[in-house]
Amino acid sequence: MQVSERAAQALFRLAREELAPAEFIRIDRAYQCGGPRFQVVIDDVSTPLDSVIRVSGTDGDVEVTVGQALVKLLEGVVLDYSEDGFVFGETAPVGC
């Protein structure tokens, strides 16, 4: 997975301003009909099958947790940030 500079800044800001102690940022499946395949969420439960990705940007570094099952699916995906929030490029929407 590649992360744009805008997305890295947004992840850093999210971690700094929104996370409570013991919470972390996770990229997870989005099971929304007709929507994106992935989503950025705040979580507080990790599993032994989680992987941690360090995202570096001009504002600093932030760790993002990804379930092992998603690591392969995220290959070639570009995470960006727009006015509408986080956007995962190169992925087909989830069918209904």
N, C-alpha and C. Protein backbone atom coordinates (compact mmCIF):
# COMPACT_ATOMS: atom_id res chain seq x y z
N MET A 1 0.84 -1.17 0.00
CA MET A 1 0.00 0.00 0.00
C MET A 1 0.89 1.24 0.00
N GLN A 2 0.50 2.20 -0.80
CA GLN A 2 1.18 3.48 -0.83
C GLN A 2 0.28 4.51 -0.17
N VAL A 3 0.88 5.49 0.50
CA VAL A 3 0.12 6.52 1.21
C VAL A 3 0.57 7.87 0.69
N SER A 4 -0.39 8.68 0.21
CA SER A 4 -0.06 10.02 -0.27
C SER A 4 0.33 10.90 0.91
N GLU A 5 0.99 12.01 0.61
CA GLU A 5 1.38 12.94 1.67
C GLU A 5 0.15 13.50 2.38
N ARG A 6 -0.91 13.79 1.62
CA ARG A 6 -2.15 14.29 2.25
C ARG A 6 -2.74 13.27 3.21
N ALA A 7 -2.73 12.00 2.81
CA ALA A 7 -3.25 10.94 3.68
C ALA A 7 -2.37 10.77 4.91
N ALA A 8 -1.05 10.85 4.74
CA ALA A 8 -0.14 10.73 5.88
C ALA A 8 -0.39 11.86 6.88
N GLN A 9 -0.59 13.08 6.39
CA GLN A 9 -0.89 14.21 7.27
C GLN A 9 -2.20 14.00 7.99
N ALA A 10 -3.22 13.49 7.29
CA ALA A 10 -4.53 13.25 7.90
C ALA A 10 -4.45 12.14 8.95
N LEU A 11 -3.69 11.09 8.68
CA LEU A 11 -3.52 10.01 9.66
C LEU A 11 -2.81 10.52 10.90
N PHE A 12 -1.77 11.33 10.72
CA PHE A 12 -1.04 11.90 11.86
C PHE A 12 -1.97 12.79 12.68
N ARG A 13 -2.75 13.63 12.00
CA ARG A 13 -3.70 14.51 12.69
C ARG A 13 -4.76 13.69 13.44
N LEU A 14 -5.27 12.64 12.80
CA LEU A 14 -6.25 11.76 13.44
C LEU A 14 -5.67 11.13 14.71
N ALA A 15 -4.45 10.63 14.62
CA ALA A 15 -3.81 10.01 15.78
C ALA A 15 -3.58 11.02 16.90
N ARG A 16 -3.16 12.21 16.54
CA ARG A 16 -2.84 13.23 17.54
C ARG A 16 -4.09 13.79 18.21
N GLU A 17 -5.16 14.00 17.44
CA GLU A 17 -6.32 14.72 17.96
C GLU A 17 -7.48 13.84 18.42
N GLU A 18 -7.59 12.63 17.89
CA GLU A 18 -8.80 11.84 18.14
C GLU A 18 -8.59 10.57 18.97
N LEU A 19 -7.38 10.04 19.02
CA LEU A 19 -7.19 8.76 19.69
C LEU A 19 -7.13 8.90 21.20
N ALA A 20 -7.90 8.08 21.89
CA ALA A 20 -7.82 7.98 23.34
C ALA A 20 -6.71 6.99 23.68
N PRO A 21 -6.26 6.97 24.93
CA PRO A 21 -5.27 5.96 25.30
C PRO A 21 -5.78 4.55 24.95
N ALA A 22 -4.91 3.72 24.45
CA ALA A 22 -5.20 2.33 24.06
C ALA A 22 -5.95 2.21 22.74
N GLU A 23 -6.27 3.31 22.07
CA GLU A 23 -6.89 3.25 20.75
C GLU A 23 -5.81 3.38 19.68
N PHE A 24 -6.12 2.87 18.50
CA PHE A 24 -5.18 2.94 17.39
C PHE A 24 -5.96 3.01 16.08
N ILE A 25 -5.26 3.36 15.02
CA ILE A 25 -5.86 3.47 13.69
C ILE A 25 -5.74 2.12 13.00
N ARG A 26 -6.85 1.68 12.39
CA ARG A 26 -6.88 0.40 11.68
C ARG A 26 -7.45 0.63 10.28
N ILE A 27 -6.88 -0.07 9.32
CA ILE A 27 -7.49 -0.17 7.99
C ILE A 27 -8.21 -1.50 7.96
N ASP A 28 -9.49 -1.46 7.65
CA ASP A 28 -10.32 -2.66 7.72
C ASP A 28 -11.19 -2.75 6.47
N ARG A 29 -11.83 -3.88 6.32
CA ARG A 29 -12.79 -4.04 5.22
C ARG A 29 -13.99 -3.13 5.48
N ALA A 30 -14.55 -2.60 4.41
CA ALA A 30 -15.78 -1.81 4.50
C ALA A 30 -16.88 -2.63 3.84
N TYR A 31 -17.78 -3.12 4.62
CA TYR A 31 -18.84 -3.98 4.09
C TYR A 31 -20.06 -3.14 3.75
N GLN A 32 -19.87 -2.11 2.97
CA GLN A 32 -20.94 -1.20 2.59
C GLN A 32 -21.30 -1.45 1.14
N CYS A 33 -22.54 -1.71 0.89
CA CYS A 33 -23.02 -2.02 -0.46
C CYS A 33 -22.73 -0.86 -1.41
N GLY A 34 -21.97 -1.13 -2.47
CA GLY A 34 -21.67 -0.11 -3.46
C GLY A 34 -20.59 0.87 -3.06
N GLY A 35 -20.00 0.68 -1.90
CA GLY A 35 -18.98 1.61 -1.42
C GLY A 35 -17.58 1.08 -1.62
N PRO A 36 -16.62 1.74 -0.99
CA PRO A 36 -15.23 1.31 -1.11
C PRO A 36 -14.99 -0.03 -0.42
N ARG A 37 -13.91 -0.72 -0.80
CA ARG A 37 -13.59 -2.02 -0.20
C ARG A 37 -12.96 -1.88 1.18
N PHE A 38 -12.32 -0.74 1.45
CA PHE A 38 -11.59 -0.56 2.71
C PHE A 38 -12.03 0.73 3.38
N GLN A 39 -11.74 0.82 4.69
CA GLN A 39 -12.04 2.02 5.44
C GLN A 39 -10.99 2.22 6.53
N VAL A 40 -10.84 3.46 6.97
CA VAL A 40 -9.97 3.80 8.09
C VAL A 40 -10.86 3.94 9.31
N VAL A 41 -10.55 3.20 10.37
CA VAL A 41 -11.37 3.22 11.58
C VAL A 41 -10.46 3.37 12.80
N ILE A 42 -11.07 3.74 13.92
CA ILE A 42 -10.39 3.76 15.21
C ILE A 42 -10.80 2.49 15.94
N ASP A 43 -9.83 1.78 16.47
CA ASP A 43 -10.08 0.49 17.12
C ASP A 43 -9.37 0.47 18.46
N ASP A 44 -9.76 -0.48 19.30
CA ASP A 44 -9.08 -0.65 20.59
C ASP A 44 -8.79 -2.11 20.92
N VAL A 45 -9.02 -3.00 19.94
CA VAL A 45 -8.77 -4.42 20.15
C VAL A 45 -7.85 -4.93 19.04
N SER A 46 -6.68 -5.41 19.42
CA SER A 46 -5.77 -5.97 18.43
C SER A 46 -5.81 -7.49 18.51
N THR A 47 -5.36 -8.14 17.45
CA THR A 47 -5.32 -9.60 17.41
C THR A 47 -3.90 -10.04 17.08
N PRO A 48 -3.57 -11.29 17.35
CA PRO A 48 -2.23 -11.78 17.02
C PRO A 48 -1.94 -11.77 15.52
N LEU A 49 -2.97 -11.69 14.70
CA LEU A 49 -2.78 -11.70 13.25
C LEU A 49 -2.66 -10.31 12.65
N ASP A 50 -2.59 -9.28 13.48
CA ASP A 50 -2.45 -7.91 12.99
C ASP A 50 -1.02 -7.60 12.59
N SER A 51 -0.88 -6.77 11.58
CA SER A 51 0.41 -6.22 11.18
C SER A 51 0.36 -4.72 11.40
N VAL A 52 1.49 -4.13 11.74
CA VAL A 52 1.56 -2.69 11.95
C VAL A 52 2.43 -2.08 10.85
N ILE A 53 1.88 -1.06 10.20
CA ILE A 53 2.58 -0.34 9.14
C ILE A 53 2.92 1.04 9.68
N ARG A 54 4.15 1.46 9.53
CA ARG A 54 4.54 2.81 9.94
C ARG A 54 4.44 3.72 8.72
N VAL A 55 3.64 4.77 8.86
CA VAL A 55 3.44 5.75 7.79
C VAL A 55 4.21 7.01 8.17
N SER A 56 5.08 7.46 7.29
CA SER A 56 5.89 8.65 7.55
C SER A 56 5.41 9.79 6.66
N GLY A 57 5.34 10.96 7.25
CA GLY A 57 4.95 12.16 6.51
C GLY A 57 5.72 13.35 7.03
N THR A 58 5.44 14.51 6.49
CA THR A 58 6.16 15.72 6.91
C THR A 58 5.83 16.11 8.34
N ASP A 59 4.65 15.70 8.84
CA ASP A 59 4.26 16.03 10.21
C ASP A 59 4.79 15.04 11.23
N GLY A 60 5.25 13.88 10.78
CA GLY A 60 5.74 12.86 11.69
C GLY A 60 5.32 11.48 11.24
N ASP A 61 5.52 10.51 12.12
CA ASP A 61 5.18 9.12 11.82
C ASP A 61 3.94 8.71 12.60
N VAL A 62 3.20 7.78 12.02
CA VAL A 62 2.03 7.22 12.70
C VAL A 62 1.97 5.74 12.34
N GLU A 63 1.52 4.93 13.30
CA GLU A 63 1.37 3.50 13.06
C GLU A 63 -0.07 3.20 12.69
N VAL A 64 -0.24 2.34 11.69
CA VAL A 64 -1.56 1.93 11.23
C VAL A 64 -1.59 0.40 11.29
N THR A 65 -2.65 -0.13 11.88
CA THR A 65 -2.80 -1.58 12.03
C THR A 65 -3.62 -2.13 10.87
N VAL A 66 -3.18 -3.27 10.35
CA VAL A 66 -3.86 -3.93 9.24
C VAL A 66 -3.94 -5.41 9.57
N GLY A 67 -5.11 -6.00 9.42
CA GLY A 67 -5.25 -7.44 9.62
C GLY A 67 -4.47 -8.19 8.57
N GLN A 68 -3.90 -9.32 8.97
CA GLN A 68 -3.05 -10.10 8.07
C GLN A 68 -3.77 -10.47 6.77
N ALA A 69 -5.06 -10.71 6.85
CA ALA A 69 -5.83 -11.10 5.66
C ALA A 69 -5.92 -9.96 4.64
N LEU A 70 -5.73 -8.72 5.08
CA LEU A 70 -5.84 -7.57 4.17
C LEU A 70 -4.52 -7.16 3.54
N VAL A 71 -3.41 -7.62 4.09
CA VAL A 71 -2.11 -7.17 3.60
C VAL A 71 -1.97 -7.40 2.10
N LYS A 72 -2.28 -8.58 1.62
CA LYS A 72 -2.18 -8.88 0.18
C LYS A 72 -3.18 -8.05 -0.63
N LEU A 73 -4.39 -7.87 -0.08
CA LEU A 73 -5.41 -7.10 -0.80
C LEU A 73 -5.03 -5.64 -0.97
N LEU A 74 -4.21 -5.12 -0.06
CA LEU A 74 -3.82 -3.72 -0.11
C LEU A 74 -2.61 -3.47 -1.02
N GLU A 75 -2.01 -4.52 -1.55
CA GLU A 75 -0.88 -4.34 -2.47
C GLU A 75 -1.34 -3.57 -3.70
N GLY A 76 -0.61 -2.52 -4.03
CA GLY A 76 -0.95 -1.70 -5.19
C GLY A 76 -2.02 -0.66 -4.93
N VAL A 77 -2.57 -0.62 -3.73
CA VAL A 77 -3.61 0.35 -3.39
C VAL A 77 -2.94 1.64 -2.91
N VAL A 78 -3.49 2.77 -3.33
CA VAL A 78 -3.00 4.07 -2.90
C VAL A 78 -4.03 4.70 -1.97
N LEU A 79 -3.60 5.01 -0.75
CA LEU A 79 -4.46 5.70 0.20
C LEU A 79 -4.23 7.20 0.05
N ASP A 80 -5.31 7.93 -0.20
CA ASP A 80 -5.24 9.38 -0.36
C ASP A 80 -6.26 9.99 0.59
N TYR A 81 -6.27 11.31 0.66
CA TYR A 81 -7.22 12.03 1.51
C TYR A 81 -7.78 13.19 0.71
N SER A 82 -9.11 13.36 0.77
CA SER A 82 -9.78 14.45 0.06
C SER A 82 -10.78 15.10 1.00
N GLU A 83 -11.56 16.02 0.48
CA GLU A 83 -12.61 16.67 1.28
C GLU A 83 -13.62 15.67 1.81
N ASP A 84 -13.76 14.55 1.12
CA ASP A 84 -14.71 13.51 1.53
C ASP A 84 -14.12 12.52 2.52
N GLY A 85 -12.85 12.67 2.87
CA GLY A 85 -12.20 11.76 3.80
C GLY A 85 -11.17 10.89 3.10
N PHE A 86 -10.87 9.76 3.72
CA PHE A 86 -9.87 8.85 3.16
C PHE A 86 -10.42 8.15 1.93
N VAL A 87 -9.58 8.05 0.90
CA VAL A 87 -9.97 7.44 -0.37
C VAL A 87 -8.94 6.38 -0.72
N PHE A 88 -9.42 5.19 -1.03
CA PHE A 88 -8.54 4.09 -1.45
C PHE A 88 -8.61 3.98 -2.96
N GLY A 89 -7.52 4.33 -3.64
CA GLY A 89 -7.47 4.25 -5.09
C GLY A 89 -7.16 2.85 -5.57
N GLU A 90 -7.50 2.58 -6.81
CA GLU A 90 -7.21 1.29 -7.46
C GLU A 90 -8.00 0.13 -6.87
N THR A 91 -9.14 0.41 -6.28
CA THR A 91 -9.96 -0.68 -5.77
C THR A 91 -11.36 -0.56 -6.34
N ALA A 92 -11.95 -1.68 -6.64
CA ALA A 92 -13.32 -1.70 -7.14
C ALA A 92 -14.29 -1.61 -5.97
N PRO A 93 -15.43 -0.94 -6.15
CA PRO A 93 -16.42 -0.87 -5.08
C PRO A 93 -16.96 -2.26 -4.74
N VAL A 94 -17.47 -2.37 -3.53
CA VAL A 94 -18.08 -3.62 -3.09
C VAL A 94 -19.43 -3.76 -3.77
N GLY A 95 -19.69 -4.90 -4.37
CA GLY A 95 -20.99 -5.14 -5.00
C GLY A 95 -22.07 -5.42 -3.98
N CYS A 96 -23.29 -5.40 -4.44
CA CYS A 96 -24.42 -5.64 -3.53
C CYS A 96 -24.92 -7.07 -3.65
